[in-house]
Amino acid sequence: MDCVIEVCAQIDPALVVEVVVDDGGEIESGGLIARLSGPTASMLTAERTALNFLCHLSGIASATNRYVKVARAANPSVRIWDTRKTTPGLRSLEKAAVRAAGGWNHRASLSEGVLIKDNHLGDLSIVEAVHLALARWPGRMVEVECDRVDQVGEALDAGASVVLLDNMTPSQVEGCVGFIRSHPRGSAGAVLVEASGGISLHNLAEYARTGVDLISIGAMTHSAPVLDIGLDLEDQ
């Protein structure tokens, strides 16, 4: 709703936005979200830009909330994370929409944590990459993407703080979670476990029940359909 308020303020300070449903609130089809009053010409000038923000971000929030509800029903402690797969220029807004719906934000930028992916390991081993990251950015999260079971042990021994199990089946993820929890660092709570890749509403509960701490889903931001919201003038 802050986007709607800001658009109206920039178009005409005489426009007044009365918020009926706060961010994160649930609405029924046909329900009232806000009231806008002021000069008609100014309202019509602000209408499309304000609705574009509101429909897009509410769509992300609605998609996120569906994922959160399914995951928490299967595992109340699991967190649903977004990714950096966002619209250029709108990342902060899209991530705010994820938070409003009960989701959690992963990195907002490359500087907020180190994620070592397969493309980064062309000239380095997992151990070398983790040690280099820890030396150059002490105190930062260092996450290692593992698409093979044998990589998990390397990441743990190297000192990774998050292990990302990528494109694994639920049974593979469950096996890796058990291995990580039995590792000295994993049993001490020094390592978080994330699942990602190929996860949808249809199989989300299976992944949540594996015991992972985090599940990241890029579709919440890059593929969420817009919510159908309109502006209708009231009869005077």
C-alpha atoms as a PDB file:
ATOM      1  CA  MET A   1       0.000   0.000   0.000  1.00  0.00           C
ATOM      2  CA  ASP A   2       2.940   2.367   0.484  1.00  0.00           C
ATOM      3  CA  CYS A   3       3.444   2.294  -3.296  1.00  0.00           C
ATOM      4  CA  VAL A   4      -0.141   3.410  -3.856  1.00  0.00           C
ATOM      5  CA  ILE A   5       0.202   6.174  -1.276  1.00  0.00           C
ATOM      6  CA  GLU A   6       3.481   7.390  -2.798  1.00  0.00           C
ATOM      7  CA  VAL A   7       2.127   7.383  -6.368  1.00  0.00           C
ATOM      8  CA  CYS A   8      -0.874   9.443  -5.297  1.00  0.00           C
ATOM      9  CA  ALA A   9       1.296  11.853  -3.331  1.00  0.00           C
ATOM     10  CA  GLN A  10       3.533  12.468  -6.328  1.00  0.00           C
ATOM     11  CA  ILE A  11       0.603  12.972  -8.700  1.00  0.00           C
ATOM     12  CA  ASP A  12      -1.369  15.301  -6.439  1.00  0.00           C
ATOM     13  CA  PRO A  13      -0.971  15.986  -2.686  1.00  0.00           C
ATOM     14  CA  ALA A  14      -4.732  16.536  -2.604  1.00  0.00           C
ATOM     15  CA  LEU A  15      -5.318  12.813  -3.159  1.00  0.00           C
ATOM     16  CA  VAL A  16      -6.125  11.019   0.090  1.00  0.00           C
ATOM     17  CA  VAL A  17      -5.645   7.239   0.487  1.00  0.00           C
ATOM     18  CA  GLU A  18      -7.601   5.522   3.252  1.00  0.00           C
ATOM     19  CA  VAL A  19      -6.145   2.041   3.757  1.00  0.00           C
ATOM     20  CA  VAL A  20      -8.799  -0.548   4.651  1.00  0.00           C
ATOM     21  CA  VAL A  21      -6.666  -3.712   4.487  1.00  0.00           C
ATOM     22  CA  ASP A  22      -3.059  -3.496   5.701  1.00  0.00           C
ATOM     23  CA  ASP A  23      -0.161  -5.243   3.999  1.00  0.00           C
ATOM     24  CA  GLY A  24      -0.345  -8.973   4.641  1.00  0.00           C
ATOM     25  CA  GLY A  25      -4.085  -8.898   5.294  1.00  0.00           C
ATOM     26  CA  GLU A  26      -6.341 -11.434   3.599  1.00  0.00           C
ATOM     27  CA  ILE A  27      -9.165 -10.313   1.326  1.00  0.00           C
ATOM     28  CA  GLU A  28     -12.200 -11.916  -0.274  1.00  0.00           C
ATOM     29  CA  SER A  29     -13.065 -11.597  -3.937  1.00  0.00           C
ATOM     30  CA  GLY A  30     -14.842  -8.257  -4.383  1.00  0.00           C
ATOM     31  CA  GLY A  31     -13.546  -6.960  -1.069  1.00  0.00           C
ATOM     32  CA  LEU A  32     -12.532  -3.373  -0.414  1.00  0.00           C
ATOM     33  CA  ILE A  33      -8.796  -2.705  -0.023  1.00  0.00           C
ATOM     34  CA  ALA A  34      -8.649   1.088   0.139  1.00  0.00           C
ATOM     35  CA  ARG A  35     -10.583   4.262  -0.579  1.00  0.00           C
ATOM     36  CA  LEU A  36      -9.162   7.061  -2.688  1.00  0.00           C
ATOM     37  CA  SER A  37     -10.598  10.575  -2.610  1.00  0.00           C
ATOM     38  CA  GLY A  38      -9.674  13.842  -4.280  1.00  0.00           C
ATOM     39  CA  PRO A  39      -9.841  15.459  -7.704  1.00  0.00           C
ATOM     40  CA  THR A  40     -11.163  12.995 -10.299  1.00  0.00           C
ATOM     41  CA  ALA A  41      -8.577  13.938 -12.929  1.00  0.00           C
ATOM     42  CA  SER A  42      -5.752  13.274 -10.461  1.00  0.00           C
ATOM     43  CA  MET A  43      -7.231   9.909  -9.447  1.00  0.00           C
ATOM     44  CA  LEU A  44      -7.428   8.815 -13.077  1.00  0.00           C
ATOM     45  CA  THR A  45      -3.859   9.975 -13.685  1.00  0.00           C
ATOM     46  CA  ALA A  46      -2.575   7.932 -10.742  1.00  0.00           C
ATOM     47  CA  GLU A  47      -4.829   4.927 -11.340  1.00  0.00           C
ATOM     48  CA  ARG A  48      -2.789   2.729 -13.661  1.00  0.00           C
ATOM     49  CA  THR A  49       0.603   3.199 -12.023  1.00  0.00           C
ATOM     50  CA  ALA A  50      -0.833   2.646  -8.551  1.00  0.00           C
ATOM     51  CA  LEU A  51      -2.736  -0.460  -9.675  1.00  0.00           C
ATOM     52  CA  ASN A  52       0.296  -1.838 -11.496  1.00  0.00           C
ATOM     53  CA  PHE A  53       2.274  -1.763  -8.258  1.00  0.00           C
ATOM     54  CA  LEU A  54      -0.600  -3.073  -6.157  1.00  0.00           C
ATOM     55  CA  CYS A  55      -1.615  -5.913  -8.511  1.00  0.00           C
ATOM     56  CA  HIS A  56       1.946  -7.088  -9.086  1.00  0.00           C
ATOM     57  CA  LEU A  57       3.068  -7.005  -5.459  1.00  0.00           C
ATOM     58  CA  SER A  58      -0.207  -8.464  -4.163  1.00  0.00           C
ATOM     59  CA  GLY A  59       0.219 -11.298  -6.644  1.00  0.00           C
ATOM     60  CA  ILE A  60       3.636 -12.063  -5.186  1.00  0.00           C
ATOM     61  CA  ALA A  61       2.241 -11.889  -1.657  1.00  0.00           C
ATOM     62  CA  SER A  62      -0.637 -14.210  -2.563  1.00  0.00           C
ATOM     63  CA  ALA A  63       1.704 -16.751  -4.174  1.00  0.00           C
ATOM     64  CA  THR A  64       4.090 -16.580  -1.225  1.00  0.00           C
ATOM     65  CA  ASN A  65       1.286 -17.106   1.273  1.00  0.00           C
ATOM     66  CA  ARG A  66       0.154 -20.259  -0.525  1.00  0.00           C
ATOM     67  CA  TYR A  67       3.666 -21.703  -0.289  1.00  0.00           C
ATOM     68  CA  VAL A  68       4.014 -20.677   3.366  1.00  0.00           C
ATOM     69  CA  LYS A  69       0.717 -22.293   4.391  1.00  0.00           C
ATOM     70  CA  VAL A  70       1.495 -25.598   2.664  1.00  0.00           C
ATOM     71  CA  ALA A  71       5.020 -25.747   4.096  1.00  0.00           C
ATOM     72  CA  ARG A  72       4.040 -24.855   7.663  1.00  0.00           C
ATOM     73  CA  ALA A  73       1.255 -27.429   7.676  1.00  0.00           C
ATOM     74  CA  ALA A  74       3.902 -30.076   7.007  1.00  0.00           C
ATOM     75  CA  ASN A  75       6.676 -28.566   9.138  1.00  0.00           C
ATOM     76  CA  PRO A  76       5.894 -25.528  11.352  1.00  0.00           C
ATOM     77  CA  SER A  77       9.577 -24.594  11.717  1.00  0.00           C
ATOM     78  CA  VAL A  78      10.546 -24.468   8.038  1.00  0.00           C
ATOM     79  CA  ARG A  79      11.079 -21.073   6.406  1.00  0.00           C
ATOM     80  CA  ILE A  80      10.171 -20.218   2.834  1.00  0.00           C
ATOM     81  CA  TRP A  81      12.879 -18.078   1.217  1.00  0.00           C
ATOM     82  CA  ASP A  82      12.768 -15.993  -1.919  1.00  0.00           C
ATOM     83  CA  THR A  83      15.688 -15.616  -4.347  1.00  0.00           C
ATOM     84  CA  ARG A  84      17.334 -12.865  -6.398  1.00  0.00           C
ATOM     85  CA  LYS A  85      15.151 -13.828  -9.383  1.00  0.00           C
ATOM     86  CA  THR A  86      13.336 -10.521  -9.256  1.00  0.00           C
ATOM     87  CA  THR A  87      12.322  -7.761 -11.665  1.00  0.00           C
ATOM     88  CA  PRO A  88      15.200  -5.307 -12.261  1.00  0.00           C
ATOM     89  CA  GLY A  89      14.558  -2.164 -10.233  1.00  0.00           C
ATOM     90  CA  LEU A  90      11.787  -3.739  -8.158  1.00  0.00           C
ATOM     91  CA  ARG A  91      13.728  -6.166  -5.973  1.00  0.00           C
ATOM     92  CA  SER A  92      13.221  -4.310  -2.683  1.00  0.00           C
ATOM     93  CA  LEU A  93       9.479  -4.009  -3.306  1.00  0.00           C
ATOM     94  CA  GLU A  94       9.077  -7.627  -4.365  1.00  0.00           C
ATOM     95  CA  LYS A  95      11.002  -8.829  -1.339  1.00  0.00           C
ATOM     96  CA  ALA A  96       8.810  -6.659   0.884  1.00  0.00           C
ATOM     97  CA  ALA A  97       5.776  -8.397  -0.621  1.00  0.00           C
ATOM     98  CA  VAL A  98       7.317 -11.771   0.284  1.00  0.00           C
ATOM     99  CA  ARG A  99       7.809 -10.644   3.891  1.00  0.00           C
ATOM    100  CA  ALA A 100       4.272  -9.299   4.133  1.00  0.00           C
ATOM    101  CA  ALA A 101       2.944 -12.756   3.271  1.00  0.00           C
ATOM    102  CA  GLY A 102       5.007 -14.639   5.854  1.00  0.00           C
ATOM    103  CA  GLY A 103       7.985 -15.505   3.673  1.00  0.00           C
ATOM    104  CA  TRP A 104      11.630 -14.724   4.367  1.00  0.00           C
ATOM    105  CA  ASN A 105      14.233 -12.946   2.293  1.00  0.00           C
ATOM    106  CA  HIS A 106      17.409 -14.599   1.071  1.00  0.00           C
ATOM    107  CA  ARG A 107      20.143 -12.247  -0.133  1.00  0.00           C
ATOM    108  CA  ALA A 108      19.090  -8.913  -1.571  1.00  0.00           C
ATOM    109  CA  SER A 109      22.473  -8.581  -3.272  1.00  0.00           C
ATOM    110  CA  LEU A 110      25.684 -10.531  -3.810  1.00  0.00           C
ATOM    111  CA  SER A 111      27.315  -8.534  -0.994  1.00  0.00           C
ATOM    112  CA  GLU A 112      24.993  -9.925   1.695  1.00  0.00           C
ATOM    113  CA  GLY A 113      26.368 -13.441   1.603  1.00  0.00           C
ATOM    114  CA  VAL A 114      28.498 -15.817  -0.417  1.00  0.00           C
ATOM    115  CA  LEU A 115      26.709 -18.506  -2.415  1.00  0.00           C
ATOM    116  CA  ILE A 116      29.137 -20.909  -4.049  1.00  0.00           C
ATOM    117  CA  LYS A 117      27.459 -22.442  -7.097  1.00  0.00           C
ATOM    118  CA  ASP A 118      28.631 -25.029  -9.615  1.00  0.00           C
ATOM    119  CA  ASN A 119      29.878 -22.343 -12.018  1.00  0.00           C
ATOM    120  CA  HIS A 120      32.163 -21.000  -9.297  1.00  0.00           C
ATOM    121  CA  LEU A 121      33.898 -24.351  -8.912  1.00  0.00           C
ATOM    122  CA  GLY A 122      35.486 -24.474 -12.364  1.00  0.00           C
ATOM    123  CA  ASP A 123      38.927 -23.602 -11.006  1.00  0.00           C
ATOM    124  CA  LEU A 124      38.413 -24.227  -7.276  1.00  0.00           C
ATOM    125  CA  SER A 125      37.413 -27.127  -5.062  1.00  0.00           C
ATOM    126  CA  ILE A 126      34.615 -26.673  -2.528  1.00  0.00           C
ATOM    127  CA  VAL A 127      37.164 -26.547   0.288  1.00  0.00           C
ATOM    128  CA  GLU A 128      39.265 -23.922  -1.502  1.00  0.00           C
ATOM    129  CA  ALA A 129      36.225 -21.805  -2.355  1.00  0.00           C
ATOM    130  CA  VAL A 130      34.833 -21.865   1.202  1.00  0.00           C
ATOM    131  CA  HIS A 131      38.200 -21.065   2.769  1.00  0.00           C
ATOM    132  CA  LEU A 132      38.707 -18.184   0.332  1.00  0.00           C
ATOM    133  CA  ALA A 133      35.245 -16.798   1.083  1.00  0.00           C
ATOM    134  CA  LEU A 134      35.751 -17.032   4.841  1.00  0.00           C
ATOM    135  CA  ALA A 135      39.130 -15.305   4.564  1.00  0.00           C
ATOM    136  CA  ARG A 136      37.897 -12.444   2.390  1.00  0.00           C
ATOM    137  CA  TRP A 137      34.475 -11.895   3.990  1.00  0.00           C
ATOM    138  CA  PRO A 138      34.705 -12.985   7.640  1.00  0.00           C
ATOM    139  CA  GLY A 139      31.370 -13.144   9.408  1.00  0.00           C
ATOM    140  CA  ARG A 140      29.339 -13.454   6.212  1.00  0.00           C
ATOM    141  CA  MET A 141      27.082 -16.370   5.403  1.00  0.00           C
ATOM    142  CA  VAL A 142      28.890 -18.874   3.196  1.00  0.00           C
ATOM    143  CA  GLU A 143      26.525 -21.230   1.405  1.00  0.00           C
ATOM    144  CA  VAL A 144      27.499 -24.112  -0.857  1.00  0.00           C
ATOM    145  CA  GLU A 145      25.198 -25.455  -3.558  1.00  0.00           C
ATOM    146  CA  CYS A 146      25.390 -29.254  -3.590  1.00  0.00           C
ATOM    147  CA  ASP A 147      23.761 -31.329  -6.299  1.00  0.00           C
ATOM    148  CA  ARG A 148      25.570 -34.517  -5.281  1.00  0.00           C
ATOM    149  CA  VAL A 149      25.596 -36.230  -1.915  1.00  0.00           C
ATOM    150  CA  ASP A 150      29.402 -36.421  -1.813  1.00  0.00           C
ATOM    151  CA  GLN A 151      29.623 -32.622  -1.968  1.00  0.00           C
ATOM    152  CA  VAL A 152      27.708 -32.241   1.302  1.00  0.00           C
ATOM    153  CA  GLY A 153      30.517 -33.669   3.423  1.00  0.00           C
ATOM    154  CA  GLU A 154      33.060 -31.444   1.692  1.00  0.00           C
ATOM    155  CA  ALA A 155      30.970 -28.352   2.404  1.00  0.00           C
ATOM    156  CA  LEU A 156      30.543 -29.276   6.074  1.00  0.00           C
ATOM    157  CA  ASP A 157      34.224 -30.011   6.621  1.00  0.00           C
ATOM    158  CA  ALA A 158      35.212 -26.797   4.853  1.00  0.00           C
ATOM    159  CA  GLY A 159      33.158 -24.664   7.259  1.00  0.00           C
ATOM    160  CA  ALA A 160      30.097 -23.681   5.203  1.00  0.00           C
ATOM    161  CA  SER A 161      27.313 -22.107   7.247  1.00  0.00           C
ATOM    162  CA  VAL A 162      24.511 -23.161   4.861  1.00  0.00           C
ATOM    163  CA  VAL A 163      24.271 -26.257   2.689  1.00  0.00           C
ATOM    164  CA  LEU A 164      21.962 -25.917  -0.318  1.00  0.00           C
ATOM    165  CA  LEU A 165      20.598 -29.238  -1.573  1.00  0.00           C
ATOM    166  CA  ASP A 166      19.821 -28.446  -5.196  1.00  0.00           C
ATOM    167  CA  ASN A 167      17.537 -30.437  -7.500  1.00  0.00           C
ATOM    168  CA  MET A 168      17.490 -33.477  -5.231  1.00  0.00           C
ATOM    169  CA  THR A 169      14.486 -35.727  -4.632  1.00  0.00           C
ATOM    170  CA  PRO A 170      12.757 -35.568  -1.235  1.00  0.00           C
ATOM    171  CA  SER A 171      14.310 -38.913  -0.267  1.00  0.00           C
ATOM    172  CA  GLN A 172      17.785 -37.674  -1.201  1.00  0.00           C
ATOM    173  CA  VAL A 173      17.205 -34.478   0.754  1.00  0.00           C
ATOM    174  CA  GLU A 174      16.036 -36.445   3.795  1.00  0.00           C
ATOM    175  CA  GLY A 175      19.163 -38.606   3.657  1.00  0.00           C
ATOM    176  CA  CYS A 176      21.397 -35.554   3.429  1.00  0.00           C
ATOM    177  CA  VAL A 177      19.595 -33.873   6.338  1.00  0.00           C
ATOM    178  CA  GLY A 178      20.246 -36.941   8.479  1.00  0.00           C
ATOM    179  CA  PHE A 179      23.917 -36.945   7.487  1.00  0.00           C
ATOM    180  CA  ILE A 180      24.277 -33.231   8.233  1.00  0.00           C
ATOM    181  CA  ARG A 181      22.579 -33.519  11.635  1.00  0.00           C
ATOM    182  CA  SER A 182      24.955 -36.342  12.569  1.00  0.00           C
ATOM    183  CA  HIS A 183      28.024 -34.287  11.609  1.00  0.00           C
ATOM    184  CA  PRO A 184      29.700 -32.461  14.527  1.00  0.00           C
ATOM    185  CA  ARG A 185      29.001 -29.044  13.032  1.00  0.00           C
ATOM    186  CA  GLY A 186      25.478 -29.972  12.030  1.00  0.00           C
ATOM    187  CA  SER A 187      24.575 -31.421  15.416  1.00  0.00           C
ATOM    188  CA  ALA A 188      25.908 -28.262  17.082  1.00  0.00           C
ATOM    189  CA  GLY A 189      23.470 -26.133  15.089  1.00  0.00           C
ATOM    190  CA  ALA A 190      26.231 -24.385  13.144  1.00  0.00           C
ATOM    191  CA  VAL A 191      24.828 -25.337   9.734  1.00  0.00           C
ATOM    192  CA  LEU A 192      21.480 -24.560   8.122  1.00  0.00           C
ATOM    193  CA  VAL A 193      20.061 -26.826   5.429  1.00  0.00           C
ATOM    194  CA  GLU A 194      18.230 -25.435   2.410  1.00  0.00           C
ATOM    195  CA  ALA A 195      16.377 -27.229  -0.367  1.00  0.00           C
ATOM    196  CA  SER A 196      15.832 -25.714  -3.793  1.00  0.00           C
ATOM    197  CA  GLY A 197      15.121 -26.612  -7.390  1.00  0.00           C
ATOM    198  CA  GLY A 198      12.053 -28.278  -8.844  1.00  0.00           C
ATOM    199  CA  ILE A 199       9.908 -27.487  -5.796  1.00  0.00           C
ATOM    200  CA  SER A 200       6.270 -26.570  -6.408  1.00  0.00           C
ATOM    201  CA  LEU A 201       3.031 -26.485  -4.453  1.00  0.00           C
ATOM    202  CA  HIS A 202       2.481 -30.124  -5.471  1.00  0.00           C
ATOM    203  CA  ASN A 203       5.615 -31.493  -3.787  1.00  0.00           C
ATOM    204  CA  LEU A 204       6.376 -28.756  -1.257  1.00  0.00           C
ATOM    205  CA  ALA A 205       4.978 -30.683   1.721  1.00  0.00           C
ATOM    206  CA  GLU A 206       7.257 -33.627   0.933  1.00  0.00           C
ATOM    207  CA  TYR A 207      10.315 -31.390   0.993  1.00  0.00           C
ATOM    208  CA  ALA A 208       9.167 -29.616   4.164  1.00  0.00           C
ATOM    209  CA  ARG A 209       8.827 -32.942   5.972  1.00  0.00           C
ATOM    210  CA  THR A 210      12.473 -33.839   5.237  1.00  0.00           C
ATOM    211  CA  GLY A 211      13.567 -31.610   8.117  1.00  0.00           C
ATOM    212  CA  VAL A 212      15.278 -28.852   6.143  1.00  0.00           C
ATOM    213  CA  ASP A 213      15.458 -25.405   7.718  1.00  0.00           C
ATOM    214  CA  LEU A 214      14.847 -23.447   4.538  1.00  0.00           C
ATOM    215  CA  ILE A 215      13.160 -23.904   1.181  1.00  0.00           C
ATOM    216  CA  SER A 216      13.868 -21.336  -1.530  1.00  0.00           C
ATOM    217  CA  ILE A 217      11.395 -20.791  -4.361  1.00  0.00           C
ATOM    218  CA  GLY A 218      12.167 -18.391  -7.183  1.00  0.00           C
ATOM    219  CA  ALA A 219       8.687 -18.742  -8.681  1.00  0.00           C
ATOM    220  CA  MET A 220       7.210 -16.606  -5.894  1.00  0.00           C
ATOM    221  CA  THR A 221       8.727 -13.526  -7.494  1.00  0.00           C
ATOM    222  CA  HIS A 222       9.501 -14.409 -11.101  1.00  0.00           C
ATOM    223  CA  SER A 223       6.277 -16.266 -11.965  1.00  0.00           C
ATOM    224  CA  ALA A 224       3.564 -14.992  -9.638  1.00  0.00           C
ATOM    225  CA  PRO A 225       0.373 -13.996 -11.492  1.00  0.00           C
ATOM    226  CA  VAL A 226      -0.905 -10.505 -10.756  1.00  0.00           C
ATOM    227  CA  LEU A 227      -3.874 -10.119  -8.454  1.00  0.00           C
ATOM    228  CA  ASP A 228      -6.920  -8.681 -10.225  1.00  0.00           C
ATOM    229  CA  ILE A 229      -7.536  -5.355  -8.485  1.00  0.00           C
ATOM    230  CA  GLY A 230      -9.526  -2.469  -9.918  1.00  0.00           C
ATOM    231  CA  LEU A 231     -10.443   1.124  -9.135  1.00  0.00           C
ATOM    232  CA  ASP A 232     -14.145   1.971  -9.339  1.00  0.00           C
ATOM    233  CA  LEU A 233     -15.643   5.412  -8.905  1.00  0.00           C
ATOM    234  CA  GLU A 234     -18.459   5.616  -6.374  1.00  0.00           C
ATOM    235  CA  ASP A 235     -21.756   7.272  -7.186  1.00  0.00           C
ATOM    236  CA  GLN A 236     -22.099  10.586  -5.377  1.00  0.00           C
END
